[in-house]
C-alpha atoms as a PDB file:
ATOM      1  CA  MET A   1     -30.147 -79.817 -29.262  1.00  0.00           C
ATOM      2  CA  MET A   2     -27.043 -79.465 -27.355  1.00  0.00           C
ATOM      3  CA  PRO A   3     -27.753 -78.033 -23.628  1.00  0.00           C
ATOM      4  CA  HIS A   4     -26.346 -74.367 -23.229  1.00  0.00           C
ATOM      5  CA  SER A   5     -23.185 -74.408 -21.262  1.00  0.00           C
ATOM      6  CA  THR A   6     -22.333 -71.642 -18.709  1.00  0.00           C
ATOM      7  CA  PRO A   7     -18.526 -70.982 -18.870  1.00  0.00           C
ATOM      8  CA  SER A   8     -16.588 -71.717 -15.870  1.00  0.00           C
ATOM      9  CA  SER A   9     -14.696 -69.114 -13.955  1.00  0.00           C
ATOM     10  CA  GLY A  10     -11.583 -70.930 -14.867  1.00  0.00           C
ATOM     11  CA  ASP A  11     -12.400 -70.945 -18.308  1.00  0.00           C
ATOM     12  CA  ALA A  12      -9.737 -68.735 -20.110  1.00  0.00           C
ATOM     13  CA  THR A  13     -12.192 -67.536 -22.900  1.00  0.00           C
ATOM     14  CA  ALA A  14     -14.673 -66.271 -20.442  1.00  0.00           C
ATOM     15  CA  PRO A  15     -15.178 -62.506 -20.268  1.00  0.00           C
ATOM     16  CA  GLY A  16     -13.966 -60.905 -16.820  1.00  0.00           C
ATOM     17  CA  PRO A  17     -15.074 -57.442 -15.490  1.00  0.00           C
ATOM     18  CA  ARG A  18     -13.384 -54.500 -17.329  1.00  0.00           C
ATOM     19  CA  GLN A  19     -10.693 -52.776 -15.492  1.00  0.00           C
ATOM     20  CA  GLN A  20     -11.425 -48.968 -15.403  1.00  0.00           C
ATOM     21  CA  ALA A  21      -8.176 -46.675 -15.507  1.00  0.00           C
ATOM     22  CA  PHE A  22      -7.197 -43.091 -16.497  1.00  0.00           C
ATOM     23  CA  THR A  23      -5.748 -42.498 -19.946  1.00  0.00           C
ATOM     24  CA  LEU A  24      -2.552 -40.154 -19.931  1.00  0.00           C
ATOM     25  CA  ILE A  25      -5.060 -37.491 -21.774  1.00  0.00           C
ATOM     26  CA  GLU A  26      -7.553 -37.770 -19.172  1.00  0.00           C
ATOM     27  CA  LEU A  27      -4.512 -37.547 -16.522  1.00  0.00           C
ATOM     28  CA  LEU A  28      -3.139 -34.180 -18.285  1.00  0.00           C
ATOM     29  CA  VAL A  29      -6.676 -32.715 -18.373  1.00  0.00           C
ATOM     30  CA  VAL A  30      -7.222 -33.337 -14.616  1.00  0.00           C
ATOM     31  CA  ILE A  31      -3.852 -31.881 -13.916  1.00  0.00           C
ATOM     32  CA  ALA A  32      -4.645 -28.860 -16.122  1.00  0.00           C
ATOM     33  CA  ILE A  33      -7.931 -28.116 -14.613  1.00  0.00           C
ATOM     34  CA  ILE A  34      -6.182 -28.230 -11.038  1.00  0.00           C
ATOM     35  CA  ALA A  35      -3.535 -25.714 -12.071  1.00  0.00           C
ATOM     36  CA  ILE A  36      -6.247 -23.370 -13.568  1.00  0.00           C
ATOM     37  CA  LEU A  37      -8.272 -23.598 -10.355  1.00  0.00           C
ATOM     38  CA  ALA A  38      -5.139 -23.122  -8.135  1.00  0.00           C
ATOM     39  CA  SER A  39      -4.201 -20.214 -10.216  1.00  0.00           C
ATOM     40  CA  MET A  40      -7.519 -18.541  -9.891  1.00  0.00           C
ATOM     41  CA  LEU A  41      -7.711 -19.326  -6.118  1.00  0.00           C
ATOM     42  CA  LEU A  42      -4.040 -18.085  -4.880  1.00  0.00           C
ATOM     43  CA  PRO A  43      -4.309 -14.512  -5.855  1.00  0.00           C
ATOM     44  CA  ALA A  44      -7.756 -14.398  -3.867  1.00  0.00           C
ATOM     45  CA  LEU A  45      -6.084 -15.765  -0.833  1.00  0.00           C
ATOM     46  CA  SER A  46      -3.188 -13.843  -1.189  1.00  0.00           C
ATOM     47  CA  LYS A  47      -5.507 -10.699  -1.220  1.00  0.00           C
ATOM     48  CA  ALA A  48      -7.433 -11.961   1.745  1.00  0.00           C
ATOM     49  CA  LYS A  49      -3.951 -12.248   3.609  1.00  0.00           C
ATOM     50  CA  ASP A  50      -3.139  -8.833   2.545  1.00  0.00           C
ATOM     51  CA  ARG A  51      -6.284  -7.434   3.742  1.00  0.00           C
ATOM     52  CA  ALA A  52      -6.019  -9.184   7.109  1.00  0.00           C
ATOM     53  CA  MET A  53      -2.504  -7.732   7.698  1.00  0.00           C
ATOM     54  CA  LEU A  54      -3.749  -4.338   6.710  1.00  0.00           C
ATOM     55  CA  THR A  55      -6.699  -4.433   9.324  1.00  0.00           C
ATOM     56  CA  LYS A  56      -4.037  -5.551  11.899  1.00  0.00           C
ATOM     57  CA  ASP A  57      -1.762  -2.507  10.838  1.00  0.00           C
ATOM     58  CA  LEU A  58      -4.650  -0.082  11.373  1.00  0.00           C
ATOM     59  CA  ASN A  59      -5.319  -1.585  14.984  1.00  0.00           C
ATOM     60  CA  ASN A  60      -1.816  -1.033  15.698  1.00  0.00           C
ATOM     61  CA  VAL A  61      -1.550   2.561  14.761  1.00  0.00           C
ATOM     62  CA  LYS A  62      -4.807   3.187  16.495  1.00  0.00           C
ATOM     63  CA  GLN A  63      -3.333   1.768  19.548  1.00  0.00           C
ATOM     64  CA  VAL A  64      -0.256   3.874  19.394  1.00  0.00           C
ATOM     65  CA  VAL A  65      -2.279   7.257  18.777  1.00  0.00           C
ATOM     66  CA  LEU A  66      -4.684   6.637  21.358  1.00  0.00           C
ATOM     67  CA  ALA A  67      -1.665   5.666  23.692  1.00  0.00           C
ATOM     68  CA  SER A  68       0.037   8.757  22.952  1.00  0.00           C
ATOM     69  CA  GLN A  69      -3.360  10.693  24.036  1.00  0.00           C
ATOM     70  CA  MET A  70      -3.467   8.886  27.345  1.00  0.00           C
ATOM     71  CA  TYR A  71       0.240   9.934  27.748  1.00  0.00           C
ATOM     72  CA  THR A  72      -0.707  13.640  27.072  1.00  0.00           C
ATOM     73  CA  GLY A  73      -3.300  13.559  29.773  1.00  0.00           C
ATOM     74  CA  ASP A  74      -0.736  12.434  32.484  1.00  0.00           C
ATOM     75  CA  ASN A  75       1.828  14.971  31.247  1.00  0.00           C
ATOM     76  CA  ASN A  76       0.076  18.480  31.164  1.00  0.00           C
ATOM     77  CA  GLU A  77      -1.068  17.819  27.557  1.00  0.00           C
ATOM     78  CA  SER A  78       2.886  17.650  26.286  1.00  0.00           C
ATOM     79  CA  MET A  79       3.105  15.120  23.265  1.00  0.00           C
ATOM     80  CA  PRO A  80       5.287  12.296  23.702  1.00  0.00           C
ATOM     81  CA  HIS A  81       8.802  12.821  21.915  1.00  0.00           C
ATOM     82  CA  PRO A  82       8.964  11.856  18.347  1.00  0.00           C
ATOM     83  CA  SER A  83      12.472  10.577  18.435  1.00  0.00           C
ATOM     84  CA  TRP A  84      15.532  12.050  17.050  1.00  0.00           C
ATOM     85  CA  GLY A  85      18.986  10.550  17.042  1.00  0.00           C
ATOM     86  CA  THR A  86      21.211   7.900  15.414  1.00  0.00           C
ATOM     87  CA  VAL A  87      21.160   4.598  17.488  1.00  0.00           C
ATOM     88  CA  SER A  88      24.128   3.076  15.856  1.00  0.00           C
ATOM     89  CA  SER A  89      26.556   6.089  16.672  1.00  0.00           C
ATOM     90  CA  GLY A  90      25.860   5.578  20.454  1.00  0.00           C
ATOM     91  CA  ASP A  91      23.530   8.848  20.317  1.00  0.00           C
ATOM     92  CA  PRO A  92      20.082   7.759  20.581  1.00  0.00           C
ATOM     93  CA  GLY A  93      18.756  11.012  21.427  1.00  0.00           C
ATOM     94  CA  PRO A  94      16.029  11.860  24.178  1.00  0.00           C
ATOM     95  CA  ASP A  95      13.576   9.287  25.681  1.00  0.00           C
ATOM     96  CA  ASN A  96      10.741   9.177  23.382  1.00  0.00           C
ATOM     97  CA  TRP A  97       7.366   7.426  22.407  1.00  0.00           C
ATOM     98  CA  CYS A  98       9.021   4.176  21.280  1.00  0.00           C
ATOM     99  CA  TYR A  99      12.089   3.672  23.751  1.00  0.00           C
ATOM    100  CA  ALA A 100      14.221   5.158  26.366  1.00  0.00           C
ATOM    101  CA  GLY A 101      17.428   6.739  25.043  1.00  0.00           C
ATOM    102  CA  ARG A 102      19.591   5.315  27.920  1.00  0.00           C
ATOM    103  CA  ILE A 103      19.112   3.105  30.875  1.00  0.00           C
ATOM    104  CA  ASN A 104      21.232   3.861  33.719  1.00  0.00           C
ATOM    105  CA  GLY A 105      23.735   5.582  31.351  1.00  0.00           C
ATOM    106  CA  LYS A 106      23.701   2.644  28.822  1.00  0.00           C
ATOM    107  CA  ALA A 107      22.422   3.776  25.518  1.00  0.00           C
ATOM    108  CA  MET A 108      19.682   1.961  23.563  1.00  0.00           C
ATOM    109  CA  PRO A 109      21.956  -0.763  21.319  1.00  0.00           C
ATOM    110  CA  ALA A 110      21.624  -0.912  17.468  1.00  0.00           C
ATOM    111  CA  ALA A 111      19.922  -3.745  16.178  1.00  0.00           C
ATOM    112  CA  SER A 112      21.652  -3.527  12.663  1.00  0.00           C
ATOM    113  CA  GLY A 113      23.258  -6.980  11.429  1.00  0.00           C
ATOM    114  CA  ARG A 114      20.551  -9.304  13.562  1.00  0.00           C
ATOM    115  CA  ARG A 115      17.823 -11.098  11.840  1.00  0.00           C
ATOM    116  CA  GLY A 116      15.485 -13.721  12.497  1.00  0.00           C
ATOM    117  CA  ALA A 117      13.188 -14.229  15.638  1.00  0.00           C
ATOM    118  CA  ASN A 118      15.663 -12.327  17.898  1.00  0.00           C
ATOM    119  CA  ALA A 119      16.282  -9.371  15.395  1.00  0.00           C
ATOM    120  CA  TYR A 120      15.204  -6.679  17.927  1.00  0.00           C
ATOM    121  CA  THR A 121      15.096  -8.681  21.439  1.00  0.00           C
ATOM    122  CA  ASN A 122      18.001  -6.637  22.318  1.00  0.00           C
ATOM    123  CA  GLN A 123      16.008  -3.321  22.267  1.00  0.00           C
ATOM    124  CA  ILE A 124      12.860  -4.466  24.377  1.00  0.00           C
ATOM    125  CA  PRO A 125      14.408  -3.532  27.626  1.00  0.00           C
ATOM    126  CA  TRP A 126      14.652   0.169  26.052  1.00  0.00           C
ATOM    127  CA  PHE A 127      10.987   0.058  25.138  1.00  0.00           C
ATOM    128  CA  GLN A 128       9.969  -0.969  28.431  1.00  0.00           C
ATOM    129  CA  LYS A 129      11.095   2.400  29.877  1.00  0.00           C
ATOM    130  CA  SER A 130       9.702   4.277  26.746  1.00  0.00           C
ATOM    131  CA  GLN A 131       7.047   7.056  27.039  1.00  0.00           C
ATOM    132  CA  LEU A 132       4.224   4.932  25.796  1.00  0.00           C
ATOM    133  CA  PHE A 133       5.280   1.550  27.284  1.00  0.00           C
ATOM    134  CA  PRO A 134       2.764   2.120  30.097  1.00  0.00           C
ATOM    135  CA  PHE A 135      -0.265   2.521  27.741  1.00  0.00           C
ATOM    136  CA  LEU A 136       0.858  -0.427  25.443  1.00  0.00           C
ATOM    137  CA  THR A 137       2.433  -2.894  27.557  1.00  0.00           C
ATOM    138  CA  THR A 138       3.630  -4.894  24.594  1.00  0.00           C
ATOM    139  CA  HIS A 139       6.226  -4.064  21.723  1.00  0.00           C
ATOM    140  CA  GLN A 140       4.148  -6.250  19.044  1.00  0.00           C
ATOM    141  CA  VAL A 141       1.556  -3.269  18.262  1.00  0.00           C
ATOM    142  CA  LEU A 142       4.672  -1.482  16.913  1.00  0.00           C
ATOM    143  CA  ILE A 143       5.408  -3.849  14.108  1.00  0.00           C
ATOM    144  CA  CYS A 144       3.142  -4.203  11.010  1.00  0.00           C
ATOM    145  CA  PRO A 145       2.635  -7.825  10.304  1.00  0.00           C
ATOM    146  CA  LYS A 146       3.487  -7.344   6.587  1.00  0.00           C
ATOM    147  CA  ASP A 147       6.741  -5.794   7.426  1.00  0.00           C
ATOM    148  CA  TRP A 148       7.559  -8.560   9.783  1.00  0.00           C
ATOM    149  CA  ASN A 149       6.623 -11.040   7.010  1.00  0.00           C
ATOM    150  CA  ASP A 150       8.524  -9.178   4.254  1.00  0.00           C
ATOM    151  CA  SER A 151      11.676  -8.757   6.497  1.00  0.00           C
ATOM    152  CA  MET A 152      11.993 -12.619   6.610  1.00  0.00           C
ATOM    153  CA  GLY A 153      11.685 -12.983   2.899  1.00  0.00           C
ATOM    154  CA  THR A 154      12.087 -10.591   0.017  1.00  0.00           C
ATOM    155  CA  LEU A 155      13.196  -7.427   1.838  1.00  0.00           C
ATOM    156  CA  ALA A 156      15.456  -9.295   4.401  1.00  0.00           C
ATOM    157  CA  TYR A 157      18.636  -7.703   2.748  1.00  0.00           C
ATOM    158  CA  LEU A 158      17.178  -4.288   3.559  1.00  0.00           C
ATOM    159  CA  TYR A 159      15.765  -5.014   7.097  1.00  0.00           C
ATOM    160  CA  VAL A 160      19.090  -6.396   8.314  1.00  0.00           C
ATOM    161  CA  ASN A 161      20.626  -3.085   8.078  1.00  0.00           C
ATOM    162  CA  ARG A 162      18.058  -1.219  10.324  1.00  0.00           C
ATOM    163  CA  ASP A 163      19.344   0.405  13.505  1.00  0.00           C
ATOM    164  CA  VAL A 164      15.928   0.202  15.025  1.00  0.00           C
ATOM    165  CA  LYS A 165      13.987  -2.981  14.596  1.00  0.00           C
ATOM    166  CA  LEU A 166      11.335  -2.367  17.570  1.00  0.00           C
ATOM    167  CA  THR A 167       8.757  -0.557  15.237  1.00  0.00           C
ATOM    168  CA  SER A 168       7.849  -0.328  11.567  1.00  0.00           C
ATOM    169  CA  TYR A 169       6.323   3.117  12.106  1.00  0.00           C
ATOM    170  CA  THR A 170       8.064   6.560  12.332  1.00  0.00           C
ATOM    171  CA  TRP A 171       6.816   9.741  14.178  1.00  0.00           C
ATOM    172  CA  ASN A 172       6.671  13.343  12.694  1.00  0.00           C
ATOM    173  CA  GLY A 173       9.483  15.453  13.858  1.00  0.00           C
ATOM    174  CA  CYS A 174       7.079  18.457  13.686  1.00  0.00           C
ATOM    175  CA  ILE A 175       5.835  17.136  17.065  1.00  0.00           C
ATOM    176  CA  SER A 176       8.992  18.711  18.418  1.00  0.00           C
ATOM    177  CA  GLY A 177       9.547  21.458  15.974  1.00  0.00           C
ATOM    178  CA  LEU A 178      11.881  20.017  13.490  1.00  0.00           C
ATOM    179  CA  GLY A 179      14.660  22.001  15.202  1.00  0.00           C
ATOM    180  CA  SER A 180      16.748  22.406  18.488  1.00  0.00           C
ATOM    181  CA  GLN A 181      13.653  20.946  20.516  1.00  0.00           C
ATOM    182  CA  LEU A 182      14.458  17.430  18.768  1.00  0.00           C
ATOM    183  CA  ASP A 183      17.511  17.158  20.893  1.00  0.00           C
ATOM    184  CA  SER A 184      16.107  18.894  24.002  1.00  0.00           C
ATOM    185  CA  GLY A 185      13.341  16.454  24.349  1.00  0.00           C
ATOM    186  CA  LYS A 186      10.752  19.179  24.430  1.00  0.00           C
ATOM    187  CA  THR A 187       7.641  18.808  22.517  1.00  0.00           C
ATOM    188  CA  TYR A 188       4.315  20.717  21.675  1.00  0.00           C
ATOM    189  CA  LYS A 189       1.225  20.469  23.622  1.00  0.00           C
ATOM    190  CA  LEU A 190      -1.752  18.324  22.093  1.00  0.00           C
ATOM    191  CA  THR A 191      -3.860  21.573  22.273  1.00  0.00           C
ATOM    192  CA  ASP A 192      -1.156  23.362  19.990  1.00  0.00           C
ATOM    193  CA  LEU A 193      -2.100  20.972  17.233  1.00  0.00           C
ATOM    194  CA  LYS A 194      -4.946  19.768  15.008  1.00  0.00           C
ATOM    195  CA  GLY A 195      -6.701  16.556  15.165  1.00  0.00           C
ATOM    196  CA  THR A 196      -6.019  16.011  11.391  1.00  0.00           C
ATOM    197  CA  ASN A 197      -2.221  16.578  11.523  1.00  0.00           C
ATOM    198  CA  LEU A 198      -0.341  13.341  10.848  1.00  0.00           C
ATOM    199  CA  GLN A 199       1.320  12.083  14.028  1.00  0.00           C
ATOM    200  CA  LEU A 200       2.921   8.953  12.465  1.00  0.00           C
ATOM    201  CA  TRP A 201       3.114   6.640   9.318  1.00  0.00           C
ATOM    202  CA  GLU A 202       4.761   3.518   8.197  1.00  0.00           C
ATOM    203  CA  ALA A 203       8.429   4.199   7.548  1.00  0.00           C
ATOM    204  CA  ASN A 204       9.758   3.636   3.874  1.00  0.00           C
ATOM    205  CA  GLU A 205      11.421   0.141   4.065  1.00  0.00           C
ATOM    206  CA  TYR A 206      13.394   0.659   0.841  1.00  0.00           C
ATOM    207  CA  ASP A 207      16.096   2.806   2.805  1.00  0.00           C
ATOM    208  CA  SER A 208      17.420   1.381   6.098  1.00  0.00           C
ATOM    209  CA  PHE A 209      18.576   4.865   7.198  1.00  0.00           C
ATOM    210  CA  PHE A 210      14.975   5.748   7.786  1.00  0.00           C
ATOM    211  CA  PHE A 211      15.228   3.347  10.702  1.00  0.00           C
ATOM    212  CA  ASN A 212      18.226   4.956  12.409  1.00  0.00           C
ATOM    213  CA  ASP A 213      15.800   6.273  14.931  1.00  0.00           C
ATOM    214  CA  ALA A 214      11.849   6.125  15.672  1.00  0.00           C
ATOM    215  CA  GLY A 215      11.091   9.700  13.937  1.00  0.00           C
ATOM    216  CA  ASN A 216      11.294  11.320  10.461  1.00  0.00           C
ATOM    217  CA  GLN A 217      10.735  14.475   8.383  1.00  0.00           C
ATOM    218  CA  PRO A 218       7.740  13.825   5.942  1.00  0.00           C
ATOM    219  CA  PHE A 219       9.548  14.249   2.487  1.00  0.00           C
ATOM    220  CA  GLU A 220      11.706  11.186   3.728  1.00  0.00           C
ATOM    221  CA  GLY A 221       8.582   8.936   2.565  1.00  0.00           C
ATOM    222  CA  ILE A 222       6.133   6.188   3.608  1.00  0.00           C
ATOM    223  CA  SER A 223       5.988   2.556   3.231  1.00  0.00           C
ATOM    224  CA  GLN A 224       5.165   0.713  -0.115  1.00  0.00           C
ATOM    225  CA  ARG A 225       4.031  -2.487   1.805  1.00  0.00           C
ATOM    226  CA  HIS A 226       0.367  -2.046   0.985  1.00  0.00           C
ATOM    227  CA  SER A 227       0.797  -0.903  -2.624  1.00  0.00           C
ATOM    228  CA  GLY A 228      -1.070  -3.866  -4.140  1.00  0.00           C
ATOM    229  CA  GLY A 229       2.018  -5.395  -5.637  1.00  0.00           C
ATOM    230  CA  ASN A 230       3.098  -2.265  -7.547  1.00  0.00           C
ATOM    231  CA  VAL A 231       6.093  -1.749  -5.917  1.00  0.00           C
ATOM    232  CA  ASN A 232       9.970  -1.279  -6.833  1.00  0.00           C
ATOM    233  CA  ALA A 233      13.226  -0.325  -4.930  1.00  0.00           C
ATOM    234  CA  ARG A 234      13.116   3.478  -5.658  1.00  0.00           C
ATOM    235  CA  SER A 235      13.262   5.410  -2.119  1.00  0.00           C
ATOM    236  CA  VAL A 236      10.060   7.492  -3.640  1.00  0.00           C
ATOM    237  CA  ASN A 237       7.079   5.720  -5.372  1.00  0.00           C
ATOM    238  CA  ALA A 238       4.511   8.373  -5.331  1.00  0.00           C
ATOM    239  CA  ASP A 239       2.804   6.909  -8.531  1.00  0.00           C
ATOM    240  CA  ALA A 240       2.330   3.410  -6.796  1.00  0.00           C
ATOM    241  CA  LYS A 241      -0.950   2.014  -6.392  1.00  0.00           C
ATOM    242  CA  GLY A 242      -2.553   1.831  -2.870  1.00  0.00           C
ATOM    243  CA  GLY A 243      -1.191   3.559   0.102  1.00  0.00           C
ATOM    244  CA  ALA A 244       0.312   3.490   3.440  1.00  0.00           C
ATOM    245  CA  VAL A 245      -1.180   3.647   7.048  1.00  0.00           C
ATOM    246  CA  VAL A 246      -0.990   6.922   8.823  1.00  0.00           C
ATOM    247  CA  GLY A 247      -2.058   8.180  12.316  1.00  0.00           C
ATOM    248  CA  GLY A 248      -3.512  11.455  13.169  1.00  0.00           C
ATOM    249  CA  VAL A 249      -3.133  13.502  16.324  1.00  0.00           C
ATOM    250  CA  GLY A 250      -7.015  13.330  16.668  1.00  0.00           C
ATOM    251  CA  GLY A 251      -6.873   9.455  17.427  1.00  0.00           C
ATOM    252  CA  HIS A 252      -7.592   8.182  13.787  1.00  0.00           C
ATOM    253  CA  ALA A 253      -5.690   5.680  11.536  1.00  0.00           C
ATOM    254  CA  VAL A 254      -6.268   5.319   7.826  1.00  0.00           C
ATOM    255  CA  LEU A 255      -4.839   4.064   4.677  1.00  0.00           C
ATOM    256  CA  MET A 256      -3.789   7.169   2.925  1.00  0.00           C
ATOM    257  CA  LYS A 257      -3.193   7.189  -0.847  1.00  0.00           C
ATOM    258  CA  PHE A 258       0.473   7.735  -1.933  1.00  0.00           C
ATOM    259  CA  ARG A 259      -0.110  10.570  -4.228  1.00  0.00           C
ATOM    260  CA  LYS A 260      -2.099  12.439  -1.346  1.00  0.00           C
ATOM    261  CA  TYR A 261       0.853  11.964   0.881  1.00  0.00           C
ATOM    262  CA  TYR A 262       3.526  12.733  -1.387  1.00  0.00           C
ATOM    263  CA  ASP A 263       1.565  16.049  -2.797  1.00  0.00           C
ATOM    264  CA  THR A 264       1.244  17.157   1.094  1.00  0.00           C
ATOM    265  CA  ALA A 265       4.934  16.260   1.621  1.00  0.00           C
ATOM    266  CA  GLY A 266       6.147  17.941  -1.651  1.00  0.00           C
ATOM    267  CA  VAL A 267       7.934  15.212  -3.372  1.00  0.00           C
ATOM    268  CA  ASP A 268       7.738  14.129  -7.001  1.00  0.00           C
ATOM    269  CA  PRO A 269       7.759  10.617  -8.489  1.00  0.00           C
ATOM    270  CA  LYS A 270      11.487  10.866  -8.816  1.00  0.00           C
ATOM    271  CA  GLY A 271      11.918  12.074  -5.121  1.00  0.00           C
ATOM    272  CA  ASN A 272      12.638  15.646  -5.929  1.00  0.00           C
ATOM    273  CA  ARG A 273      11.224  18.090  -3.434  1.00  0.00           C
ATOM    274  CA  PHE A 274       8.866  21.137  -4.425  1.00  0.00           C
ATOM    275  CA  LYS A 275       6.936  23.418  -2.423  1.00  0.00           C
ATOM    276  CA  PRO A 276       3.611  21.980  -1.382  1.00  0.00           C
ATOM    277  CA  ALA A 277       0.473  24.049  -2.631  1.00  0.00           C
ATOM    278  CA  GLU A 278      -0.723  24.744   0.795  1.00  0.00           C
ATOM    279  CA  LEU A 279       1.742  25.403   3.877  1.00  0.00           C
ATOM    280  CA  PRO A 280       1.320  24.902   6.873  1.00  0.00           C
ATOM    281  CA  ASN A 281      -0.502  21.499   6.228  1.00  0.00           C
ATOM    282  CA  ASP A 282      -1.260  18.144   7.857  1.00  0.00           C
ATOM    283  CA  LEU A 283       2.411  17.079   7.403  1.00  0.00           C
ATOM    284  CA  TYR A 284       4.294  20.479   7.937  1.00  0.00           C
ATOM    285  CA  TYR A 285       2.501  21.847  11.017  1.00  0.00           C
ATOM    286  CA  VAL A 286       5.200  23.299  13.378  1.00  0.00           C
ATOM    287  CA  PRO A 287       3.187  25.924  15.368  1.00  0.00           C
ATOM    288  CA  ASN A 288       4.098  29.397  14.847  1.00  0.00           C
ATOM    289  CA  ASN A 289       5.946  28.485  11.836  1.00  0.00           C
ATOM    290  CA  PRO A 290       4.508  30.235   8.496  1.00  0.00           C
ATOM    291  CA  THR A 291       5.313  27.190   6.554  1.00  0.00           C
ATOM    292  CA  GLY A 292       4.775  24.744   9.366  1.00  0.00           C
ATOM    293  CA  GLY A 293       8.537  23.817   9.265  1.00  0.00           C
ATOM    294  CA  TYR A 294       9.086  23.109   5.716  1.00  0.00           C
END
């Protein structure tokens, strides 16, 4: 018999180790699986980010309403002024919760036209002379993190036109009577109001006019930024899902559903005003006024 021979490593006919490689089909399947997983994960991450910003927003409002209570304790129970004026016209109104109307005769400047990281830095000195500054110390609690995020992206075209960029929040003019007291700087006392009365809310970002100062009337609407994505550019979206952060005279901060807010404010989904079923209520509560100032 011929002896059995072992092929040498140099033998061209000798079988070598099989090279493993992805086929095109396998590669496409892996890419498809990654895409599916990403599509499932990204909405969850987005919701988690929104929840984190909402939590921060609630904390901000809580700090503001508690600061206002400390202010009343030092000022014979008088509430801080809700702000009433038109900053861009050079008439910022009286000193208020958010900023001083004038410093050494110089009116607070408008921030309209400014954008980016320095969008409102020209207004910070006037914040530092505001009624609540001694109790807040930082302007950052006045800005909803989601508002800031949107202002750099999808809503930049609206944000740039705001006169006041110091704050995302607006105060209820009822605190000063929705009348001549607004211009005089006078306000009601904390003891004149109920703890459930709404003191402030997130201003409606879909109309830059609502940021001409730091105070509004209830029918002018609230922010849609926490609506869970169901938003549009109408000035009123009473049928949107979700709600907006509001703060109460009693020191609470909650997410208030859009429908509840607009039913209380007397505004329908098309923006038409109607008389609320109950007056006075927690949005219209001017003391000694039969309709609360409505």
